[in-house]
Amino acid sequence: MRRTALVVLVLVAACSTNSTSTPGASSKLKVVASTSAWGSLAAQVGGDLVEVTSIVSNPDADPHDYEPTAEDARTISTAQYVIFNGVGYDEWARNVVESNANKSQVVLDVGAAVGVHGGDNPHRWYFPNDVRTVIDRMVADFERIDPANAPAFEQRKADFESQQFKRYRDALDAIRGAHANTPVGASESLFVGIAEATGLIVLTPNSFVTAISEGIDPSLQDKTTAEQQVATKSIKVLVFNPQNSTPDVSTLVDTARANGIPVVEFTETLVGATFIDWQVAQLQRLADALGP
């Protein structure tokens, strides 16, 4: 019943919008992102040429289980460009988009764009190569929607890559250069992409971090293994997502701190002024915890 009502709502919202409007009719290209991670990146890349709204921006909200409001549906239906993560992470956004009568709307499904599917790690904003792919796709789409501003979008992209994105890559490269092959622990699969990019080795069983990410109780064997790694100091740092904590994760965190193992927080949703500021701040805390 909820989905039927939502479909009707989106159709009504779309029909109440001027379907003949064009990018040139507004001073800014209207962008809607399902989450603040992708929304902030779009705002940084597009700058003053875009107006970005992120549906899930509260750090306490869970994008997996979010239920869009009537206002969310209207916001999505009237956007010129919509970005959602895909890979089973924000299916509510896909449902709203697919119910939308605005066929001129351009949509970016991040998972499809980077070639991953259901069952793969959904946290694509924590995979630096995917972030780079999404930047290219965003700019190409911006230029397709608003060709008059294509040169300006290209210039903004060049500036972003040479300044802000370089800060991000430099932070990743610094950790790889100093700490590649260092064993670390993780509370969930959110950290896997960063570990791959920095050369850190996640010792926590993959089945454990995947279970926590999917809201499933890890096996007794995985729990025992993760606890032993912390108790014996087999890991140098434990990376923890405070937005997805369970009793098992809390036990790991408490044991790590009791044993003098630094605990570094990596959050699921954006905390900070911009995507790059958020990511670089977390990477700097990780580098500090790993040591000289």
Protein backbone atom coordinates (compact mmCIF):
# COMPACT_ATOMS: atom_id res chain seq x y z
CA MET A 1 0.00 0.00 0.00
CA ARG A 2 2.86 2.38 0.85
CA ARG A 3 4.49 1.85 -2.56
CA THR A 4 1.20 2.44 -4.41
CA ALA A 5 0.68 5.72 -2.60
CA LEU A 6 4.24 6.73 -3.36
CA VAL A 7 3.84 6.01 -7.07
CA VAL A 8 0.72 8.16 -7.19
CA LEU A 9 2.48 10.92 -5.27
CA VAL A 10 5.44 10.97 -7.63
CA LEU A 11 3.22 11.03 -10.69
CA VAL A 12 1.19 13.92 -9.29
CA ALA A 13 4.35 15.82 -8.34
CA ALA A 14 5.82 15.32 -11.80
CA CYS A 15 2.63 16.42 -13.55
CA SER A 16 2.49 19.60 -11.47
CA THR A 17 5.95 20.55 -12.72
CA ASN A 18 6.52 22.48 -15.92
CA SER A 19 7.72 19.67 -18.17
CA THR A 20 8.93 22.13 -20.81
CA SER A 21 11.54 23.72 -18.53
CA THR A 22 15.16 23.48 -19.61
CA PRO A 23 18.51 23.85 -17.84
CA GLY A 24 18.82 27.33 -19.30
CA ALA A 25 15.56 28.39 -17.63
CA SER A 26 17.19 28.20 -14.21
CA SER A 27 20.45 29.71 -13.04
CA LYS A 28 21.61 26.38 -11.62
CA LEU A 29 21.28 22.74 -12.59
CA LYS A 30 19.07 21.02 -10.02
CA VAL A 31 20.68 17.88 -8.59
CA VAL A 32 19.28 15.46 -6.00
CA ALA A 33 21.38 12.75 -4.34
CA SER A 34 20.08 9.93 -2.17
CA THR A 35 22.83 10.51 0.42
CA SER A 36 25.07 13.36 1.48
CA ALA A 37 28.25 11.53 0.44
CA TRP A 38 27.40 11.65 -3.26
CA GLY A 39 25.54 14.93 -2.88
CA SER A 40 28.55 16.68 -1.38
CA LEU A 41 30.82 15.34 -4.11
CA ALA A 42 28.40 16.63 -6.78
CA ALA A 43 28.36 20.04 -5.09
CA GLN A 44 32.15 20.18 -5.00
CA VAL A 45 32.49 19.18 -8.65
CA GLY A 46 29.65 21.36 -9.94
CA GLY A 47 30.26 24.36 -7.70
CA ASP A 48 28.07 27.39 -8.32
CA LEU A 49 26.68 25.84 -11.48
CA VAL A 50 24.59 23.30 -9.56
CA GLU A 51 22.05 23.31 -6.75
CA VAL A 52 22.33 20.06 -4.79
CA THR A 53 19.86 18.50 -2.35
CA SER A 54 20.82 15.38 -0.38
CA ILE A 55 17.86 13.34 0.86
CA VAL A 56 19.68 11.48 3.67
CA SER A 57 22.00 13.95 5.35
CA ASN A 58 21.44 13.21 9.03
CA PRO A 59 24.34 11.11 10.39
CA ASP A 60 21.86 9.28 12.62
CA ALA A 61 19.72 8.09 9.69
CA ASP A 62 20.31 4.69 8.09
CA PRO A 63 20.22 4.97 4.27
CA HIS A 64 19.54 1.20 4.04
CA ASP A 65 16.18 1.49 5.79
CA TYR A 66 15.21 5.07 4.97
CA GLU A 67 11.61 5.64 3.96
CA PRO A 68 11.16 8.68 1.68
CA THR A 69 8.61 11.30 2.62
CA ALA A 70 6.14 12.98 0.29
CA GLU A 71 8.48 15.96 0.12
CA ASP A 72 11.40 13.67 -0.81
CA ALA A 73 9.36 12.25 -3.68
CA ARG A 74 8.52 15.73 -4.97
CA THR A 75 12.15 16.81 -4.67
CA ILE A 76 13.36 13.80 -6.66
CA SER A 77 10.62 14.07 -9.29
CA THR A 78 11.45 17.69 -10.13
CA ALA A 79 15.24 17.32 -10.27
CA GLN A 80 17.10 17.44 -13.56
CA TYR A 81 19.74 15.02 -12.29
CA VAL A 82 19.40 12.27 -9.67
CA ILE A 83 22.23 10.28 -8.09
CA PHE A 84 21.72 7.14 -6.05
CA ASN A 85 24.24 4.57 -4.85
CA GLY A 86 22.58 1.34 -5.96
CA VAL A 87 24.04 -2.10 -5.12
CA GLY A 88 21.08 -2.66 -2.80
CA TYR A 89 22.07 0.24 -0.56
CA ASP A 90 19.28 2.76 -1.24
CA GLU A 91 16.61 0.84 -3.12
CA TRP A 92 14.01 3.32 -1.90
CA ALA A 93 15.64 5.94 -4.16
CA ARG A 94 15.59 3.58 -7.14
CA ASN A 95 11.89 2.92 -6.52
CA VAL A 96 11.06 6.63 -6.48
CA VAL A 97 13.08 7.26 -9.64
CA GLU A 98 11.46 4.36 -11.50
CA SER A 99 8.01 5.64 -10.50
CA ASN A 100 8.84 9.11 -11.79
CA ALA A 101 6.94 10.40 -14.82
CA ASN A 102 9.70 12.91 -15.63
CA LYS A 103 11.36 11.04 -18.49
CA SER A 104 13.72 13.93 -19.31
CA GLN A 105 15.47 13.40 -15.99
CA VAL A 106 19.04 12.04 -16.11
CA VAL A 107 19.88 9.41 -13.48
CA LEU A 108 23.23 8.13 -12.20
CA ASP A 109 23.14 4.68 -10.61
CA VAL A 110 26.63 4.58 -9.09
CA GLY A 111 26.81 0.80 -8.78
CA ALA A 112 25.92 0.30 -12.43
CA ALA A 113 28.37 3.04 -13.46
CA VAL A 114 31.31 1.35 -11.72
CA GLY A 115 30.30 -2.18 -12.71
CA VAL A 116 29.21 -3.72 -9.40
CA HIS A 117 25.98 -5.50 -8.61
CA GLY A 118 23.81 -6.79 -5.78
CA GLY A 119 25.90 -8.80 -3.34
CA ASP A 120 29.00 -6.66 -3.90
CA ASN A 121 30.23 -4.19 -1.29
CA PRO A 122 27.74 -1.30 -1.46
CA HIS A 123 29.97 1.38 0.09
CA ARG A 124 31.26 2.67 -3.25
CA TRP A 125 32.12 6.17 -1.95
CA TYR A 126 34.87 4.44 0.07
CA PHE A 127 36.48 3.02 -3.09
CA PRO A 128 38.75 5.78 -4.43
CA ASN A 129 38.84 4.48 -8.00
CA ASP A 130 35.05 4.42 -8.05
CA VAL A 131 34.93 7.98 -6.73
CA ARG A 132 37.15 9.00 -9.63
CA THR A 133 34.87 7.23 -12.11
CA VAL A 134 31.81 8.94 -10.64
CA ILE A 135 33.45 12.37 -10.96
CA ASP A 136 33.99 11.78 -14.69
CA ARG A 137 30.43 10.54 -15.13
CA MET A 138 28.94 13.47 -13.20
CA VAL A 139 30.74 16.05 -15.29
CA ALA A 140 29.81 14.30 -18.54
CA ASP A 141 26.16 14.25 -17.44
CA PHE A 142 26.24 17.90 -16.32
CA GLU A 143 27.54 18.88 -19.74
CA ARG A 144 24.89 16.80 -21.50
CA ILE A 145 22.09 18.42 -19.51
CA ASP A 146 23.52 21.94 -19.72
CA PRO A 147 25.77 22.11 -22.82
CA ALA A 148 25.99 25.89 -22.69
CA ASN A 149 28.05 25.58 -19.51
CA ALA A 150 30.20 22.66 -20.68
CA PRO A 151 33.45 24.71 -20.72
CA ALA A 152 32.75 25.94 -17.20
CA PHE A 153 32.08 22.40 -15.96
CA GLU A 154 35.37 21.24 -17.52
CA GLN A 155 37.25 24.03 -15.77
CA ARG A 156 35.64 23.23 -12.42
CA LYS A 157 36.55 19.56 -12.85
CA ALA A 158 40.17 20.45 -13.63
CA ASP A 159 40.37 22.74 -10.60
CA PHE A 160 38.78 20.14 -8.35
CA GLU A 161 41.14 17.40 -9.47
CA SER A 162 44.28 19.51 -9.12
CA GLN A 163 43.33 20.84 -5.69
CA GLN A 164 40.70 19.02 -3.62
CA PHE A 165 40.93 15.55 -5.15
CA LYS A 166 44.72 15.76 -4.94
CA ARG A 167 44.43 16.23 -1.16
CA TYR A 168 42.44 13.01 -1.01
CA ARG A 169 44.87 11.03 -3.17
CA ASP A 170 47.85 12.39 -1.26
CA ALA A 171 46.33 11.27 2.05
CA LEU A 172 45.77 7.76 0.66
CA ASP A 173 49.26 7.60 -0.86
CA ALA A 174 50.89 8.74 2.39
CA ILE A 175 49.34 5.83 4.29
CA ARG A 176 50.28 3.35 1.58
CA GLY A 177 53.84 4.64 1.51
CA ALA A 178 54.33 4.34 5.25
CA HIS A 179 52.05 1.49 6.29
CA ALA A 180 51.36 -0.90 3.39
CA ASN A 181 50.82 -4.48 4.60
CA THR A 182 50.09 -3.37 8.17
CA PRO A 183 47.44 -5.63 9.77
CA VAL A 184 44.30 -3.82 10.94
CA GLY A 185 40.82 -4.73 12.07
CA ALA A 186 37.45 -3.41 10.89
CA SER A 187 33.98 -3.52 12.37
CA GLU A 188 32.27 -3.76 8.98
CA SER A 189 32.81 -3.77 5.20
CA LEU A 190 32.66 0.02 4.88
CA PHE A 191 36.46 0.15 5.31
CA VAL A 192 37.38 -2.46 2.70
CA GLY A 193 37.81 0.02 -0.17
CA ILE A 194 40.14 2.26 1.83
CA ALA A 195 42.17 -0.74 2.98
CA GLU A 196 42.65 -1.81 -0.63
CA ALA A 197 43.68 1.70 -1.69
CA THR A 198 46.19 2.12 1.14
CA GLY A 199 47.62 -1.40 1.16
CA LEU A 200 46.44 -2.14 4.70
CA ILE A 201 45.54 -5.76 5.44
CA VAL A 202 42.17 -6.31 7.13
CA LEU A 203 42.59 -9.38 9.34
CA THR A 204 39.01 -9.40 10.59
CA PRO A 205 37.18 -12.23 8.77
CA ASN A 206 35.44 -10.94 5.68
CA SER A 207 32.33 -12.88 6.66
CA PHE A 208 32.30 -10.98 9.98
CA VAL A 209 32.49 -7.48 8.46
CA THR A 210 29.95 -8.41 5.78
CA ALA A 211 27.51 -9.78 8.36
CA ILE A 212 27.72 -6.60 10.45
CA SER A 213 27.16 -4.45 7.35
CA GLU A 214 24.09 -6.48 6.39
CA GLY A 215 22.62 -6.56 9.89
CA ILE A 216 23.25 -10.28 10.32
CA ASP A 217 24.65 -11.94 13.43
CA PRO A 218 28.23 -13.14 12.69
CA SER A 219 29.07 -16.79 13.26
CA LEU A 220 30.53 -17.88 16.59
CA GLN A 221 33.77 -18.79 14.85
CA ASP A 222 34.08 -15.33 13.28
CA LYS A 223 33.34 -13.63 16.59
CA THR A 224 35.99 -15.72 18.33
CA THR A 225 38.56 -14.99 15.63
CA ALA A 226 37.94 -11.24 15.72
CA GLU A 227 38.09 -11.17 19.52
CA GLN A 228 41.34 -13.15 19.57
CA GLN A 229 42.94 -10.79 17.06
CA VAL A 230 42.18 -7.89 19.37
CA ALA A 231 43.12 -9.70 22.59
CA THR A 232 46.50 -10.78 21.17
CA LYS A 233 47.16 -7.40 19.52
CA SER A 234 47.43 -9.00 16.11
CA ILE A 235 46.06 -5.78 14.63
CA LYS A 236 47.58 -2.32 14.96
CA VAL A 237 44.35 -0.32 14.59
CA LEU A 238 40.64 -1.10 14.74
CA VAL A 239 38.46 0.88 12.31
CA PHE A 240 34.95 1.35 13.65
CA ASN A 241 31.74 2.71 12.12
CA PRO A 242 29.86 4.25 15.09
CA GLN A 243 26.68 4.46 13.00
CA ASN A 244 26.49 0.67 12.80
CA SER A 245 27.35 -0.70 16.21
CA THR A 246 26.12 -4.00 17.66
CA PRO A 247 26.89 -5.77 20.95
CA ASP A 248 29.58 -7.78 19.14
CA VAL A 249 31.14 -4.64 17.72
CA SER A 250 30.97 -2.86 21.07
CA THR A 251 32.82 -5.78 22.65
CA LEU A 252 35.57 -5.51 20.01
CA VAL A 253 35.89 -1.76 20.49
CA ASP A 254 36.02 -1.99 24.29
CA THR A 255 38.58 -4.81 24.19
CA ALA A 256 40.73 -2.92 21.68
CA ARG A 257 40.80 0.20 23.85
CA ALA A 258 41.54 -1.85 26.96
CA ASN A 259 44.51 -3.39 25.15
CA GLY A 260 45.87 -0.08 23.93
CA ILE A 261 44.85 -0.59 20.30
CA PRO A 262 43.78 2.71 18.70
CA VAL A 263 40.16 2.83 17.52
CA VAL A 264 39.56 5.06 14.49
CA GLU A 265 36.05 6.05 13.46
CA PHE A 266 34.97 6.00 9.81
CA THR A 267 31.34 7.09 9.46
CA GLU A 268 28.77 5.94 6.93
CA THR A 269 27.39 9.38 6.16
CA LEU A 270 29.19 12.65 5.69
CA VAL A 271 30.44 14.46 8.77
CA GLY A 272 32.18 17.72 7.86
CA ALA A 273 32.00 20.58 5.43
CA THR A 274 32.62 18.66 2.20
CA PHE A 275 33.21 15.14 0.91
CA ILE A 276 36.95 15.76 0.61
CA ASP A 277 37.25 17.40 4.05
CA TRP A 278 35.40 14.46 5.60
CA GLN A 279 37.50 11.81 3.89
CA VAL A 280 40.84 13.53 4.47
CA ALA A 281 40.09 14.10 8.16
CA GLN A 282 39.34 10.40 8.65
CA LEU A 283 42.46 9.38 6.73
CA GLN A 284 44.58 11.72 8.82
CA ARG A 285 43.24 10.18 12.03
CA LEU A 286 44.02 6.75 10.61
CA ALA A 287 47.57 7.81 9.72
CA ASP A 288 48.08 9.24 13.22
CA ALA A 289 46.84 6.01 14.81
CA LEU A 290 49.15 3.89 12.65
CA GLY A 291 52.10 5.92 13.88
CA PRO A 292 55.25 7.35 12.27
